[in-house]
N, C-alpha and C. Protein backbone atom coordinates (compact mmCIF):
# COMPACT_ATOMS: atom_id res chain seq x y z
N GLY A 1 43.03 7.15 63.23
CA GLY A 1 43.82 8.71 62.38
C GLY A 1 43.42 8.92 60.65
N ASP A 2 42.06 8.13 60.64
CA ASP A 2 41.81 8.40 59.45
C ASP A 2 40.65 9.68 59.51
N THR A 3 41.31 10.86 59.65
CA THR A 3 40.56 12.24 59.96
C THR A 3 39.51 12.28 58.71
N GLU A 4 39.54 12.20 57.80
CA GLU A 4 38.68 12.44 55.77
C GLU A 4 37.56 11.42 57.20
N GLY A 5 37.00 10.21 57.38
CA GLY A 5 36.47 9.75 57.92
C GLY A 5 35.68 10.49 58.84
N LEU A 6 36.73 11.02 59.87
CA LEU A 6 36.07 11.53 61.14
C LEU A 6 35.17 12.88 60.65
N ASN A 7 35.93 13.75 60.29
CA ASN A 7 35.16 15.13 59.18
C ASN A 7 34.07 14.60 58.65
N ALA A 8 34.05 13.26 57.62
CA ALA A 8 32.33 12.88 57.38
C ALA A 8 31.33 12.57 58.29
N ARG A 9 32.23 12.10 59.47
CA ARG A 9 30.75 12.04 60.65
C ARG A 9 30.24 12.63 61.19
N GLY A 10 31.30 14.01 60.93
CA GLY A 10 31.17 15.28 61.83
C GLY A 10 31.35 15.59 63.00
N PRO A 11 31.34 16.87 63.64
CA PRO A 11 31.48 17.07 64.96
C PRO A 11 30.87 16.21 66.25
N GLY A 12 29.12 15.90 65.66
CA GLY A 12 28.66 15.06 66.97
C GLY A 12 29.46 14.10 67.30
N LEU A 13 30.61 13.55 66.77
CA LEU A 13 31.03 11.78 66.84
C LEU A 13 32.32 12.43 68.17
N VAL A 14 32.29 13.47 68.45
CA VAL A 14 32.85 14.38 70.25
C VAL A 14 32.34 13.41 71.39
N HIS A 15 30.92 13.97 71.33
CA HIS A 15 30.10 13.61 72.46
C HIS A 15 29.29 12.35 72.39
N GLY A 16 29.66 11.34 71.10
CA GLY A 16 28.91 10.13 70.86
C GLY A 16 29.63 8.91 71.93
N ARG A 17 28.65 7.53 71.67
CA ARG A 17 29.38 6.86 72.21
C ARG A 17 28.88 6.02 71.36
N ASN A 18 29.36 4.42 71.41
CA ASN A 18 29.19 3.09 70.14
C ASN A 18 28.17 3.14 71.32
N ALA A 19 27.65 1.29 70.91
CA ALA A 19 26.83 0.72 71.12
C ALA A 19 26.84 0.00 72.46
N THR A 20 27.82 -0.02 72.87
CA THR A 20 28.28 -0.55 74.73
C THR A 20 28.24 0.79 75.09
N GLY A 21 28.33 2.34 74.83
CA GLY A 21 28.04 3.26 76.10
C GLY A 21 29.36 4.27 76.02
N ALA A 22 30.63 3.29 75.20
CA ALA A 22 32.17 4.03 75.47
C ALA A 22 32.36 5.53 74.32
N PRO A 23 32.56 6.00 75.04
CA PRO A 23 32.94 7.20 74.29
C PRO A 23 33.90 7.28 73.12
N TRP A 24 33.53 7.51 72.14
CA TRP A 24 34.09 7.17 70.98
C TRP A 24 35.49 8.20 71.22
N PHE A 25 35.68 9.11 71.55
CA PHE A 25 36.82 9.71 71.82
C PHE A 25 37.79 8.60 72.69
N PHE A 26 37.37 8.06 73.87
CA PHE A 26 38.03 7.07 74.44
C PHE A 26 38.72 6.00 73.58
N ILE A 27 37.76 5.42 72.36
CA ILE A 27 38.12 4.20 71.34
C ILE A 27 39.34 5.02 70.47
N ALA A 28 39.38 6.38 70.40
CA ALA A 28 40.35 7.05 69.32
C ALA A 28 41.65 7.11 70.81
N LEU A 29 41.79 7.22 71.77
CA LEU A 29 42.78 6.91 72.42
C LEU A 29 43.34 5.89 72.67
N GLU A 30 42.39 4.71 72.72
CA GLU A 30 42.85 3.34 72.66
C GLU A 30 43.20 2.75 72.04
N SER A 31 43.21 3.54 70.80
CA SER A 31 43.76 3.19 69.02
C SER A 31 44.52 3.47 68.93
N GLY A 32 45.20 4.66 69.50
CA GLY A 32 46.72 5.48 69.56
C GLY A 32 46.82 6.08 68.13
N SER A 33 46.02 7.15 67.74
CA SER A 33 46.36 7.70 66.79
C SER A 33 46.20 8.94 67.26
N LEU A 34 47.65 10.00 66.80
CA LEU A 34 47.57 11.13 67.44
C LEU A 34 46.75 11.40 66.38
N ALA A 35 46.70 11.46 65.01
CA ALA A 35 45.69 12.59 64.12
C ALA A 35 44.49 12.68 64.41
N ALA A 36 43.68 11.40 65.07
CA ALA A 36 42.74 11.07 65.87
C ALA A 36 42.44 11.89 67.25
N ILE A 37 43.46 11.90 67.91
CA ILE A 37 43.12 12.57 68.71
C ILE A 37 42.96 14.19 69.21
N ASN A 38 43.66 14.30 67.98
CA ASN A 38 44.36 16.10 67.31
C ASN A 38 42.77 16.57 67.08
N TRP A 39 42.01 15.30 66.05
CA TRP A 39 40.80 16.20 65.76
C TRP A 39 39.96 15.75 67.02
N PHE A 40 39.50 14.85 67.80
CA PHE A 40 38.47 15.01 68.67
C PHE A 40 38.97 16.09 69.44
N LEU A 41 40.18 16.43 69.90
CA LEU A 41 40.27 17.83 70.57
C LEU A 41 40.18 19.08 70.35
N ALA A 42 40.66 18.88 68.89
CA ALA A 42 40.01 20.62 67.73
C ALA A 42 38.35 20.78 67.64
N GLN A 43 37.64 19.38 67.99
CA GLN A 43 36.00 19.51 67.93
C GLN A 43 35.81 19.80 69.00
N GLY A 44 36.24 19.91 70.27
CA GLY A 44 35.63 20.33 71.57
C GLY A 44 35.67 19.10 72.75
N ALA A 45 36.55 17.79 71.96
CA ALA A 45 36.65 16.84 73.34
C ALA A 45 37.42 17.28 74.24
N SER A 46 36.78 16.92 75.78
CA SER A 46 37.30 16.74 77.13
C SER A 46 38.36 16.60 77.32
N PRO A 47 39.64 16.89 77.35
CA PRO A 47 40.73 15.90 78.14
C PRO A 47 40.73 15.49 79.51
N THR A 48 39.64 16.26 80.42
CA THR A 48 39.40 16.24 82.02
C THR A 48 38.03 15.40 82.01
N THR A 49 37.33 14.97 81.33
CA THR A 49 35.97 14.35 81.32
C THR A 49 36.36 12.60 81.53
N PRO A 50 36.28 12.19 82.37
CA PRO A 50 35.96 10.65 82.48
C PRO A 50 35.40 9.82 81.53
N ASP A 51 35.31 8.59 81.29
CA ASP A 51 34.55 7.85 80.45
C ASP A 51 33.23 7.19 81.93
N GLN A 52 32.23 6.01 81.01
CA GLN A 52 31.27 5.77 82.13
C GLN A 52 32.42 5.06 83.29
N SER A 53 33.26 4.52 83.06
CA SER A 53 33.75 3.69 83.87
C SER A 53 35.04 4.33 85.10
N GLY A 54 34.68 5.66 84.92
CA GLY A 54 35.78 6.99 85.67
C GLY A 54 37.05 7.24 85.11
N ARG A 55 37.48 6.58 83.97
CA ARG A 55 38.43 6.67 83.43
C ARG A 55 38.85 7.44 82.79
N LEU A 56 39.87 8.55 83.43
CA LEU A 56 40.61 10.03 82.50
C LEU A 56 41.26 9.26 81.38
N PRO A 57 40.91 10.64 80.48
CA PRO A 57 41.62 10.57 79.11
C PRO A 57 43.24 10.29 78.88
N LEU A 58 43.72 11.00 79.99
CA LEU A 58 45.06 10.37 79.93
C LEU A 58 45.33 9.38 81.28
N GLN A 59 44.71 8.74 81.60
CA GLN A 59 44.54 6.96 81.94
C GLN A 59 44.39 6.25 81.04
N ALA A 60 43.68 6.73 80.16
CA ALA A 60 43.24 5.48 79.19
C ALA A 60 44.59 5.46 77.94
N VAL A 61 45.69 6.74 77.82
CA VAL A 61 46.89 6.66 77.36
C VAL A 61 47.78 5.96 77.78
N ILE A 62 47.87 6.18 79.07
CA ILE A 62 49.04 5.40 80.01
C ILE A 62 48.66 4.21 79.73
N GLU A 63 47.81 3.59 80.01
CA GLU A 63 47.23 2.52 80.15
C GLU A 63 47.68 1.67 78.91
N ARG A 64 47.27 2.03 77.61
CA ARG A 64 47.37 1.39 76.27
C ARG A 64 49.10 1.48 76.15
N ALA A 65 49.82 2.66 76.58
CA ALA A 65 51.44 2.56 76.41
C ALA A 65 51.73 1.30 77.65
N ALA A 66 51.26 1.44 78.59
CA ALA A 66 51.35 -0.10 79.89
C ALA A 66 51.26 -1.19 79.10
N LEU A 67 50.67 -1.33 78.18
CA LEU A 67 50.18 -2.82 77.72
C LEU A 67 50.92 -3.20 76.08
N ALA A 68 51.16 -2.04 75.47
CA ALA A 68 51.49 -2.03 74.49
C ALA A 68 52.62 -2.77 74.37
N ASP A 69 53.02 -3.64 72.83
CA ASP A 69 54.06 -4.28 73.21
C ASP A 69 55.30 -3.88 71.70
N GLU A 70 55.79 -4.79 71.09
CA GLU A 70 56.96 -4.17 70.15
C GLU A 70 56.38 -4.37 68.79
N PHE A 71 54.92 -5.06 68.83
CA PHE A 71 54.21 -5.22 67.51
C PHE A 71 53.24 -4.35 67.48
N ASP A 72 52.90 -3.02 68.29
CA ASP A 72 52.11 -2.08 68.50
C ASP A 72 52.69 -0.92 67.40
N ASP A 73 51.93 -0.66 66.23
CA ASP A 73 52.79 0.24 65.50
C ASP A 73 51.99 2.27 66.14
N HIS A 74 51.30 1.92 66.66
CA HIS A 74 50.82 3.13 67.34
C HIS A 74 51.52 3.79 68.67
N LEU A 75 52.76 2.52 69.18
CA LEU A 75 53.57 3.52 70.76
C LEU A 75 54.05 4.02 70.39
N ALA A 76 54.30 4.73 69.28
CA ALA A 76 55.40 5.86 69.23
C ALA A 76 53.91 7.36 69.64
N ASP A 77 53.30 7.11 69.14
CA ASP A 77 52.28 8.07 69.31
C ASP A 77 51.63 8.77 70.83
N SER A 78 52.06 7.38 71.71
CA SER A 78 51.81 7.60 73.37
C SER A 78 52.18 8.79 73.56
N PRO A 79 53.62 9.65 73.36
CA PRO A 79 54.09 10.56 74.38
C PRO A 79 53.20 12.12 73.81
N ALA A 80 53.03 11.73 72.25
CA ALA A 80 52.79 13.25 71.59
C ALA A 80 51.03 12.89 72.16
N MET A 81 50.57 11.91 72.27
CA MET A 81 48.98 12.06 72.86
C MET A 81 49.13 12.96 74.01
N ALA A 82 49.68 11.92 75.00
CA ALA A 82 49.62 12.50 76.55
C ALA A 82 49.97 13.86 76.30
N ALA A 83 50.91 14.34 75.26
CA ALA A 83 51.51 15.54 75.27
C ALA A 83 50.24 16.76 75.05
N ALA A 84 49.51 16.22 74.24
CA ALA A 84 48.36 17.03 73.41
C ALA A 84 47.09 17.19 74.58
N LEU A 85 47.12 15.90 75.87
CA LEU A 85 45.59 16.32 76.49
C LEU A 85 46.15 17.03 77.34
N ILE A 86 47.36 17.22 77.93
CA ILE A 86 48.11 17.59 79.13
C ILE A 86 48.01 19.61 78.50
N ALA A 87 48.30 19.47 77.15
CA ALA A 87 48.42 21.11 76.59
C ALA A 87 46.75 21.75 76.52
N LYS A 88 46.09 20.83 76.76
CA LYS A 88 44.38 20.72 76.94
C LYS A 88 43.88 21.05 77.83
N GLY A 89 44.65 20.63 78.88
CA GLY A 89 43.82 20.81 80.66
C GLY A 89 44.21 19.16 81.18
N ALA A 90 44.82 18.34 80.33
CA ALA A 90 45.10 17.33 81.38
C ALA A 90 45.83 16.96 82.26
N ALA A 91 45.69 16.75 83.50
CA ALA A 91 46.39 17.15 84.91
C ALA A 91 47.19 15.57 85.22
N PRO A 92 48.66 15.67 84.83
CA PRO A 92 49.89 14.67 85.51
C PRO A 92 48.93 14.10 86.99
N ALA A 93 48.84 15.59 87.55
CA ALA A 93 48.35 15.25 89.05
C ALA A 93 47.62 14.58 89.51
N ALA A 94 46.31 14.49 88.30
CA ALA A 94 45.73 13.89 88.60
C ALA A 94 45.34 12.47 88.81
N ARG A 95 44.58 12.15 90.21
CA ARG A 95 44.06 10.90 90.49
C ARG A 95 43.32 9.78 89.88
N THR A 96 43.18 8.47 90.03
CA THR A 96 42.17 7.35 89.53
C THR A 96 41.19 7.37 90.29
N LEU A 97 40.11 6.43 89.85
CA LEU A 97 39.41 6.44 91.22
C LEU A 97 39.86 5.68 92.64
N SER A 98 40.87 4.74 92.10
CA SER A 98 41.95 4.28 93.25
C SER A 98 43.10 5.01 93.89
N GLY A 99 42.89 6.10 93.71
CA GLY A 99 43.76 7.20 94.21
C GLY A 99 44.93 7.06 93.33
N ALA A 100 45.74 6.73 92.53
CA ALA A 100 46.53 6.30 91.66
C ALA A 100 46.78 8.19 91.37
N ARG A 101 48.07 8.15 91.61
CA ARG A 101 48.44 9.44 90.85
C ARG A 101 48.80 9.06 89.29
N LEU A 102 48.07 10.02 88.44
CA LEU A 102 49.03 9.34 86.68
C LEU A 102 49.99 9.55 86.65
N ALA A 103 50.67 10.38 86.86
CA ALA A 103 52.14 10.96 87.01
C ALA A 103 53.15 9.68 87.57
N ASP A 104 52.84 8.91 88.20
CA ASP A 104 53.08 7.65 88.63
C ASP A 104 52.81 6.47 87.89
N LEU A 105 51.70 6.86 87.61
CA LEU A 105 51.64 5.11 86.37
C LEU A 105 51.86 5.76 85.08
N ALA A 106 52.29 6.94 84.68
CA ALA A 106 53.05 7.06 83.89
C ALA A 106 54.58 6.47 84.13
N GLN A 107 55.21 6.77 84.61
CA GLN A 107 56.14 6.82 84.94
C GLN A 107 56.53 4.88 85.15
N GLU A 108 55.95 4.41 85.94
CA GLU A 108 55.81 2.56 85.60
C GLU A 108 55.45 2.46 84.74
N ALA A 109 54.56 3.16 83.48
CA ALA A 109 54.39 2.41 82.08
C ALA A 109 55.60 3.08 81.41
N GLY A 110 56.57 3.55 81.81
CA GLY A 110 57.64 4.26 81.24
C GLY A 110 57.54 5.56 79.65
N LEU A 111 56.35 6.06 80.58
CA LEU A 111 55.94 6.77 79.87
C LEU A 111 56.36 8.66 80.11
N THR A 112 57.14 8.97 79.47
CA THR A 112 57.48 10.41 79.85
C THR A 112 56.50 11.25 79.58
N LEU A 113 55.76 12.09 80.88
CA LEU A 113 54.86 13.04 80.55
C LEU A 113 55.46 14.49 80.78
N PRO A 114 55.20 15.21 80.06
CA PRO A 114 55.37 16.83 79.74
C PRO A 114 55.00 17.36 81.13
N PRO A 115 55.27 18.43 81.68
CA PRO A 115 54.96 19.24 82.92
C PRO A 115 53.48 19.74 82.07
N ALA A 116 52.06 19.49 83.41
CA ALA A 116 51.07 20.86 82.83
C ALA A 116 51.55 21.74 83.05
N GLU A 117 50.73 22.42 82.14
CA GLU A 117 50.66 24.14 81.86
C GLU A 117 50.65 24.89 82.90
N ALA A 118 51.10 25.60 83.31
CA ALA A 118 50.99 26.45 84.09
C ALA A 118 49.17 27.31 84.50
């Protein structure tokens, strides 16, 4: 959620990857910071482009929510992160590579998703 640090690195970070090839946007999704997600989206990160393994951004948020425990201080950001992705075009009806619907995965994880924009 260090938007000053993100600003210092610049908008090129949006399409950048770490040493293992993971997109920085997905690292932000997995870290659970709403401020960072909003920064990436404002800089043009795609809410629908999968990572190198085929995982969708909304799927990353759902998986993170499913794995969180009571010690996770960013768990409360998961619904807002999902809402931010959906507002920018992520589809709860989209399917994972294995065919699971994201909305169903969210429900199993106890994460309520807002409806997709029409």
